[in-house]
Amino acid sequence: MKYVVATDKAPKAIGPYSQAIIDEATLTSRTLYVSGQLGIDPATGALAEGGIEAQARQSLTNIKNILEAAGLSMACVVKTTCMLADIADFARFNEVYASFFDVVADPARSAFAVKALPKGALVEIEAIARG
């Protein structure tokens, strides 16, 4: 079975997708797939101001809030995919990213540059979590 996860503590989907979907394989094991999160402040609907650091922080905060709505935490994240509008922002992005995860058990990750992101965003991050 799959269930939609939604919270007003993260931006509403801007297209035909859910903030996240839980796939419950068994009653004791479930996987949460979090859709790509831009650095949009859900209170204003605008991208966070302050460059890559601010947008990365907001994107990861949105993911954290979606995880919490599903009863999970950042410690449950097993994989992220990070898309940057400019790979030159990689080091600054990494500093913010590292502050959201436990260094002992960082999730697997892919990070790459893309030609463009919706709304002119600098970063988009999607996540997979197990709980």
N, C-alpha and C. Protein backbone atom coordinates (compact mmCIF):
# COMPACT_ATOMS: atom_id res chain seq x y z
N MET A 1 0.84 -1.18 0.00
CA MET A 1 0.00 0.00 0.00
C MET A 1 0.89 1.24 0.00
N LYS A 2 0.38 2.31 -0.56
CA LYS A 2 1.09 3.58 -0.50
C LYS A 2 0.16 4.66 0.01
N TYR A 3 0.75 5.60 0.73
CA TYR A 3 0.00 6.67 1.36
C TYR A 3 0.67 8.00 1.08
N VAL A 4 -0.13 9.03 0.88
CA VAL A 4 0.38 10.38 0.65
C VAL A 4 0.73 11.01 2.00
N VAL A 5 1.87 11.69 2.04
CA VAL A 5 2.27 12.48 3.21
C VAL A 5 2.27 13.93 2.77
N ALA A 6 1.61 14.77 3.55
CA ALA A 6 1.57 16.20 3.23
C ALA A 6 1.62 17.00 4.52
N THR A 7 2.28 18.14 4.47
CA THR A 7 2.36 19.03 5.62
C THR A 7 2.36 20.47 5.13
N ASP A 8 1.80 21.35 5.93
CA ASP A 8 1.85 22.78 5.59
C ASP A 8 3.17 23.41 6.04
N LYS A 9 4.06 22.61 6.61
CA LYS A 9 5.38 23.08 7.02
C LYS A 9 6.41 22.94 5.90
N ALA A 10 5.94 22.56 4.72
CA ALA A 10 6.75 22.50 3.51
C ALA A 10 5.88 23.04 2.39
N PRO A 11 6.50 23.53 1.31
CA PRO A 11 5.70 24.10 0.22
C PRO A 11 4.77 23.06 -0.40
N LYS A 12 3.60 23.52 -0.82
CA LYS A 12 2.69 22.65 -1.55
C LYS A 12 3.33 22.27 -2.88
N ALA A 13 2.97 21.10 -3.39
CA ALA A 13 3.48 20.66 -4.68
C ALA A 13 3.07 21.68 -5.75
N ILE A 14 3.98 21.99 -6.67
CA ILE A 14 3.68 22.95 -7.73
C ILE A 14 3.33 22.25 -9.03
N GLY A 15 3.04 20.98 -8.94
CA GLY A 15 2.68 20.19 -10.11
C GLY A 15 1.90 18.97 -9.69
N PRO A 16 1.71 18.04 -10.61
CA PRO A 16 0.93 16.83 -10.31
C PRO A 16 1.77 15.77 -9.59
N TYR A 17 2.14 16.06 -8.34
CA TYR A 17 2.90 15.12 -7.52
C TYR A 17 2.62 15.40 -6.06
N SER A 18 3.00 14.48 -5.19
CA SER A 18 2.82 14.61 -3.75
C SER A 18 4.12 15.08 -3.12
N GLN A 19 4.03 15.69 -1.94
CA GLN A 19 5.24 16.04 -1.21
C GLN A 19 6.04 14.78 -0.93
N ALA A 20 5.34 13.72 -0.55
CA ALA A 20 6.00 12.44 -0.27
C ALA A 20 4.98 11.31 -0.33
N ILE A 21 5.51 10.12 -0.54
CA ILE A 21 4.70 8.90 -0.56
C ILE A 21 5.36 7.88 0.35
N ILE A 22 4.55 7.25 1.19
CA ILE A 22 5.05 6.13 2.00
C ILE A 22 4.63 4.84 1.31
N ASP A 23 5.61 3.96 1.14
CA ASP A 23 5.35 2.62 0.64
C ASP A 23 5.53 1.69 1.83
N GLU A 24 4.43 1.13 2.29
CA GLU A 24 4.50 0.24 3.45
C GLU A 24 4.57 -1.20 2.99
N ALA A 25 5.76 -1.75 3.00
CA ALA A 25 5.95 -3.14 2.60
C ALA A 25 5.39 -4.08 3.67
N THR A 26 5.61 -3.73 4.93
CA THR A 26 5.07 -4.51 6.04
C THR A 26 4.66 -3.53 7.12
N LEU A 27 4.06 -4.03 8.15
CA LEU A 27 3.66 -3.14 9.25
C LEU A 27 4.85 -2.57 10.00
N THR A 28 6.00 -3.23 9.93
CA THR A 28 7.17 -2.77 10.68
C THR A 28 8.22 -2.11 9.80
N SER A 29 8.03 -2.10 8.51
CA SER A 29 9.01 -1.53 7.60
C SER A 29 8.31 -0.68 6.55
N ARG A 30 8.79 0.53 6.38
CA ARG A 30 8.19 1.42 5.38
C ARG A 30 9.27 2.29 4.76
N THR A 31 9.01 2.69 3.54
CA THR A 31 9.93 3.56 2.82
C THR A 31 9.19 4.83 2.47
N LEU A 32 9.81 5.98 2.72
CA LEU A 32 9.24 7.27 2.39
C LEU A 32 10.04 7.87 1.24
N TYR A 33 9.35 8.24 0.17
CA TYR A 33 9.96 8.89 -0.98
C TYR A 33 9.55 10.35 -0.96
N VAL A 34 10.51 11.23 -0.71
CA VAL A 34 10.23 12.67 -0.64
C VAL A 34 10.54 13.29 -2.00
N SER A 35 9.54 13.94 -2.57
CA SER A 35 9.73 14.63 -3.85
C SER A 35 10.77 15.72 -3.71
N GLY A 36 11.37 16.10 -4.84
CA GLY A 36 12.37 17.16 -4.84
C GLY A 36 11.85 18.42 -4.18
N GLN A 37 12.63 18.94 -3.25
CA GLN A 37 12.25 20.14 -2.52
C GLN A 37 13.17 21.29 -2.91
N LEU A 38 12.55 22.35 -3.39
CA LEU A 38 13.28 23.59 -3.64
C LEU A 38 13.43 24.32 -2.32
N GLY A 39 14.22 25.36 -2.30
CA GLY A 39 14.41 26.17 -1.10
C GLY A 39 13.31 27.19 -0.93
N ILE A 40 12.06 26.75 -1.02
CA ILE A 40 10.90 27.64 -0.90
C ILE A 40 10.44 27.68 0.54
N ASP A 41 10.26 28.88 1.06
CA ASP A 41 9.72 29.08 2.39
C ASP A 41 8.21 28.85 2.30
N PRO A 42 7.66 27.85 3.02
CA PRO A 42 6.23 27.57 2.90
C PRO A 42 5.35 28.71 3.41
N ALA A 43 5.88 29.55 4.29
CA ALA A 43 5.10 30.67 4.82
C ALA A 43 4.89 31.77 3.79
N THR A 44 5.89 31.97 2.91
CA THR A 44 5.81 33.07 1.94
C THR A 44 5.60 32.59 0.51
N GLY A 45 5.95 31.34 0.25
CA GLY A 45 5.86 30.81 -1.12
C GLY A 45 7.00 31.29 -2.00
N ALA A 46 7.98 31.97 -1.41
CA ALA A 46 9.11 32.50 -2.17
C ALA A 46 10.38 31.71 -1.84
N LEU A 47 11.32 31.74 -2.79
CA LEU A 47 12.62 31.13 -2.53
C LEU A 47 13.32 31.87 -1.40
N ALA A 48 14.00 31.13 -0.55
CA ALA A 48 14.76 31.73 0.54
C ALA A 48 15.81 32.67 -0.04
N GLU A 49 15.96 33.82 0.59
CA GLU A 49 16.95 34.80 0.14
C GLU A 49 18.27 34.55 0.86
N GLY A 50 19.37 34.71 0.14
CA GLY A 50 20.68 34.54 0.74
C GLY A 50 21.55 33.55 -0.01
N GLY A 51 21.19 33.27 -1.25
CA GLY A 51 22.05 32.43 -2.08
C GLY A 51 21.89 30.94 -1.82
N ILE A 52 22.90 30.19 -2.25
CA ILE A 52 22.85 28.74 -2.19
C ILE A 52 22.70 28.24 -0.76
N GLU A 53 23.38 28.88 0.20
CA GLU A 53 23.29 28.43 1.58
C GLU A 53 21.87 28.52 2.11
N ALA A 54 21.21 29.65 1.88
CA ALA A 54 19.85 29.84 2.38
C ALA A 54 18.87 28.89 1.70
N GLN A 55 19.02 28.71 0.39
CA GLN A 55 18.11 27.81 -0.31
C GLN A 55 18.35 26.35 0.07
N ALA A 56 19.60 25.96 0.26
CA ALA A 56 19.90 24.59 0.69
C ALA A 56 19.33 24.34 2.08
N ARG A 57 19.51 25.29 2.98
CA ARG A 57 18.99 25.17 4.34
C ARG A 57 17.47 25.03 4.31
N GLN A 58 16.80 25.83 3.49
CA GLN A 58 15.34 25.77 3.42
C GLN A 58 14.88 24.46 2.79
N SER A 59 15.56 24.01 1.74
CA SER A 59 15.22 22.75 1.10
C SER A 59 15.32 21.60 2.09
N LEU A 60 16.41 21.56 2.85
CA LEU A 60 16.60 20.50 3.83
C LEU A 60 15.63 20.62 5.00
N THR A 61 15.28 21.83 5.38
CA THR A 61 14.26 22.04 6.41
C THR A 61 12.91 21.53 5.93
N ASN A 62 12.59 21.77 4.66
CA ASN A 62 11.34 21.26 4.10
C ASN A 62 11.32 19.74 4.15
N ILE A 63 12.43 19.11 3.79
CA ILE A 63 12.53 17.65 3.85
C ILE A 63 12.35 17.18 5.29
N LYS A 64 13.02 17.83 6.22
CA LYS A 64 12.92 17.48 7.64
C LYS A 64 11.46 17.55 8.10
N ASN A 65 10.75 18.61 7.70
CA ASN A 65 9.36 18.77 8.11
C ASN A 65 8.46 17.69 7.50
N ILE A 66 8.72 17.31 6.26
CA ILE A 66 7.95 16.24 5.62
C ILE A 66 8.21 14.91 6.33
N LEU A 67 9.49 14.65 6.64
CA LEU A 67 9.83 13.43 7.38
C LEU A 67 9.10 13.39 8.71
N GLU A 68 9.10 14.51 9.43
CA GLU A 68 8.43 14.56 10.73
C GLU A 68 6.93 14.33 10.59
N ALA A 69 6.33 14.82 9.51
CA ALA A 69 4.90 14.59 9.27
C ALA A 69 4.61 13.10 9.07
N ALA A 70 5.62 12.36 8.64
CA ALA A 70 5.48 10.92 8.44
C ALA A 70 5.97 10.13 9.66
N GLY A 71 6.35 10.83 10.72
CA GLY A 71 6.83 10.16 11.92
C GLY A 71 8.28 9.71 11.83
N LEU A 72 9.05 10.32 10.93
CA LEU A 72 10.45 9.97 10.73
C LEU A 72 11.35 11.17 11.04
N SER A 73 12.66 10.96 10.94
CA SER A 73 13.61 12.04 11.17
C SER A 73 14.69 12.00 10.10
N MET A 74 15.57 12.98 10.12
CA MET A 74 16.68 13.02 9.16
C MET A 74 17.59 11.80 9.32
N ALA A 75 17.63 11.21 10.50
CA ALA A 75 18.44 10.02 10.73
C ALA A 75 17.92 8.83 9.92
N CYS A 76 16.68 8.88 9.46
CA CYS A 76 16.08 7.80 8.68
C CYS A 76 16.41 7.88 7.19
N VAL A 77 17.00 9.00 6.75
CA VAL A 77 17.30 9.19 5.32
C VAL A 77 18.42 8.24 4.91
N VAL A 78 18.16 7.46 3.85
CA VAL A 78 19.17 6.52 3.35
C VAL A 78 19.78 6.98 2.03
N LYS A 79 19.11 7.89 1.31
CA LYS A 79 19.61 8.33 0.00
C LYS A 79 19.05 9.70 -0.31
N THR A 80 19.90 10.58 -0.83
CA THR A 80 19.44 11.87 -1.35
C THR A 80 19.96 12.04 -2.77
N THR A 81 19.23 12.83 -3.53
CA THR A 81 19.68 13.28 -4.83
C THR A 81 19.63 14.79 -4.79
N CYS A 82 20.77 15.42 -5.08
CA CYS A 82 20.91 16.87 -4.96
C CYS A 82 21.23 17.45 -6.33
N MET A 83 20.41 18.39 -6.76
CA MET A 83 20.60 19.03 -8.06
C MET A 83 20.95 20.49 -7.83
N LEU A 84 22.05 20.92 -8.40
CA LEU A 84 22.53 22.29 -8.25
C LEU A 84 22.46 23.00 -9.60
N ALA A 85 22.02 24.24 -9.58
CA ALA A 85 21.99 25.04 -10.81
C ALA A 85 23.40 25.41 -11.26
N ASP A 86 24.34 25.45 -10.30
CA ASP A 86 25.72 25.80 -10.61
C ASP A 86 26.65 24.94 -9.75
N ILE A 87 27.42 24.07 -10.37
CA ILE A 87 28.30 23.17 -9.63
C ILE A 87 29.38 23.94 -8.86
N ALA A 88 29.60 25.19 -9.21
CA ALA A 88 30.55 26.02 -8.46
C ALA A 88 30.05 26.26 -7.03
N ASP A 89 28.77 26.05 -6.76
CA ASP A 89 28.20 26.20 -5.43
C ASP A 89 28.37 24.95 -4.57
N PHE A 90 29.01 23.91 -5.11
CA PHE A 90 29.08 22.61 -4.44
C PHE A 90 29.66 22.68 -3.03
N ALA A 91 30.78 23.35 -2.84
CA ALA A 91 31.43 23.40 -1.52
C ALA A 91 30.54 24.11 -0.50
N ARG A 92 29.93 25.23 -0.88
CA ARG A 92 29.06 25.96 0.04
C ARG A 92 27.80 25.16 0.35
N PHE A 93 27.27 24.47 -0.66
CA PHE A 93 26.13 23.59 -0.46
C PHE A 93 26.48 22.49 0.53
N ASN A 94 27.65 21.88 0.37
CA ASN A 94 28.09 20.76 1.22
C ASN A 94 28.15 21.16 2.69
N GLU A 95 28.58 22.38 2.97
CA GLU A 95 28.67 22.85 4.35
C GLU A 95 27.30 22.84 5.02
N VAL A 96 26.29 23.33 4.31
CA VAL A 96 24.92 23.35 4.85
C VAL A 96 24.40 21.92 4.95
N TYR A 97 24.58 21.16 3.90
CA TYR A 97 24.09 19.78 3.85
C TYR A 97 24.63 18.98 5.03
N ALA A 98 25.91 19.09 5.30
CA ALA A 98 26.55 18.33 6.38
C ALA A 98 25.93 18.64 7.74
N SER A 99 25.45 19.84 7.93
CA SER A 99 24.89 20.23 9.23
C SER A 99 23.55 19.56 9.52
N PHE A 100 22.93 18.93 8.51
CA PHE A 100 21.63 18.28 8.69
C PHE A 100 21.74 16.78 8.94
N PHE A 101 22.95 16.22 8.80
CA PHE A 101 23.10 14.77 8.91
C PHE A 101 24.19 14.40 9.90
N ASP A 102 24.05 13.20 10.47
CA ASP A 102 25.04 12.64 11.40
C ASP A 102 26.21 12.13 10.59
N VAL A 103 27.38 12.65 10.87
CA VAL A 103 28.58 12.31 10.10
C VAL A 103 28.89 10.81 10.13
N VAL A 104 28.47 10.11 11.18
CA VAL A 104 28.73 8.68 11.30
C VAL A 104 27.89 7.88 10.30
N ALA A 105 26.70 8.38 10.01
CA ALA A 105 25.79 7.63 9.14
C ALA A 105 25.17 8.52 8.07
N ASP A 106 26.02 9.30 7.37
CA ASP A 106 25.51 10.12 6.28
C ASP A 106 24.81 9.22 5.27
N PRO A 107 23.72 9.71 4.67
CA PRO A 107 23.05 8.90 3.65
C PRO A 107 23.88 8.82 2.37
N ALA A 108 23.60 7.81 1.56
CA ALA A 108 24.18 7.78 0.22
C ALA A 108 23.67 9.00 -0.52
N ARG A 109 24.45 9.49 -1.51
CA ARG A 109 24.04 10.73 -2.16
C ARG A 109 24.57 10.79 -3.58
N SER A 110 23.75 11.39 -4.43
CA SER A 110 24.18 11.82 -5.76
C SER A 110 24.03 13.32 -5.79
N ALA A 111 24.98 14.01 -6.40
CA ALA A 111 24.90 15.47 -6.54
C ALA A 111 25.43 15.84 -7.91
N PHE A 112 24.69 16.66 -8.61
CA PHE A 112 25.12 17.05 -9.95
C PHE A 112 24.51 18.37 -10.35
N ALA A 113 25.09 18.98 -11.36
CA ALA A 113 24.58 20.24 -11.90
C ALA A 113 23.51 19.94 -12.94
N VAL A 114 22.52 20.79 -12.99
CA VAL A 114 21.47 20.70 -13.99
C VAL A 114 21.39 22.03 -14.73
N LYS A 115 20.78 22.01 -15.88
CA LYS A 115 20.72 23.23 -16.69
C LYS A 115 19.88 24.31 -16.01
N ALA A 116 18.75 23.91 -15.43
CA ALA A 116 17.88 24.87 -14.76
C ALA A 116 16.95 24.12 -13.81
N LEU A 117 16.46 24.84 -12.80
CA LEU A 117 15.51 24.30 -11.84
C LEU A 117 14.25 25.16 -11.85
N PRO A 118 13.11 24.61 -11.44
CA PRO A 118 11.88 25.40 -11.41
C PRO A 118 12.05 26.67 -10.58
N LYS A 119 11.36 27.71 -10.99
CA LYS A 119 11.33 28.99 -10.29
C LYS A 119 12.69 29.67 -10.19
N GLY A 120 13.67 29.21 -10.99
CA GLY A 120 15.00 29.79 -10.93
C GLY A 120 15.77 29.42 -9.68
N ALA A 121 15.38 28.32 -9.05
CA ALA A 121 16.03 27.88 -7.80
C ALA A 121 17.49 27.51 -8.05
N LEU A 122 18.26 27.56 -6.98
CA LEU A 122 19.68 27.20 -7.04
C LEU A 122 19.92 25.75 -6.68
N VAL A 123 18.96 25.13 -5.96
CA VAL A 123 19.12 23.74 -5.51
C VAL A 123 17.76 23.07 -5.38
N GLU A 124 17.75 21.77 -5.64
CA GLU A 124 16.58 20.93 -5.37
C GLU A 124 17.11 19.61 -4.81
N ILE A 125 16.47 19.13 -3.75
CA ILE A 125 16.92 17.91 -3.09
C ILE A 125 15.73 16.97 -2.92
N GLU A 126 15.93 15.70 -3.29
CA GLU A 126 14.92 14.68 -3.01
C GLU A 126 15.55 13.66 -2.07
N ALA A 127 14.70 12.92 -1.36
CA ALA A 127 15.22 11.99 -0.36
C ALA A 127 14.40 10.71 -0.30
N ILE A 128 15.07 9.66 0.13
CA ILE A 128 14.42 8.39 0.43
C ILE A 128 14.78 8.05 1.86
N ALA A 129 13.76 7.72 2.66
CA ALA A 129 13.98 7.39 4.06
C ALA A 129 13.33 6.06 4.40
N ARG A 130 13.89 5.37 5.37
CA ARG A 130 13.33 4.10 5.86
C ARG A 130 13.00 4.26 7.33
N GLY A 131 11.85 3.76 7.69
CA GLY A 131 11.45 3.86 9.10
C GLY A 131 10.77 2.62 9.57
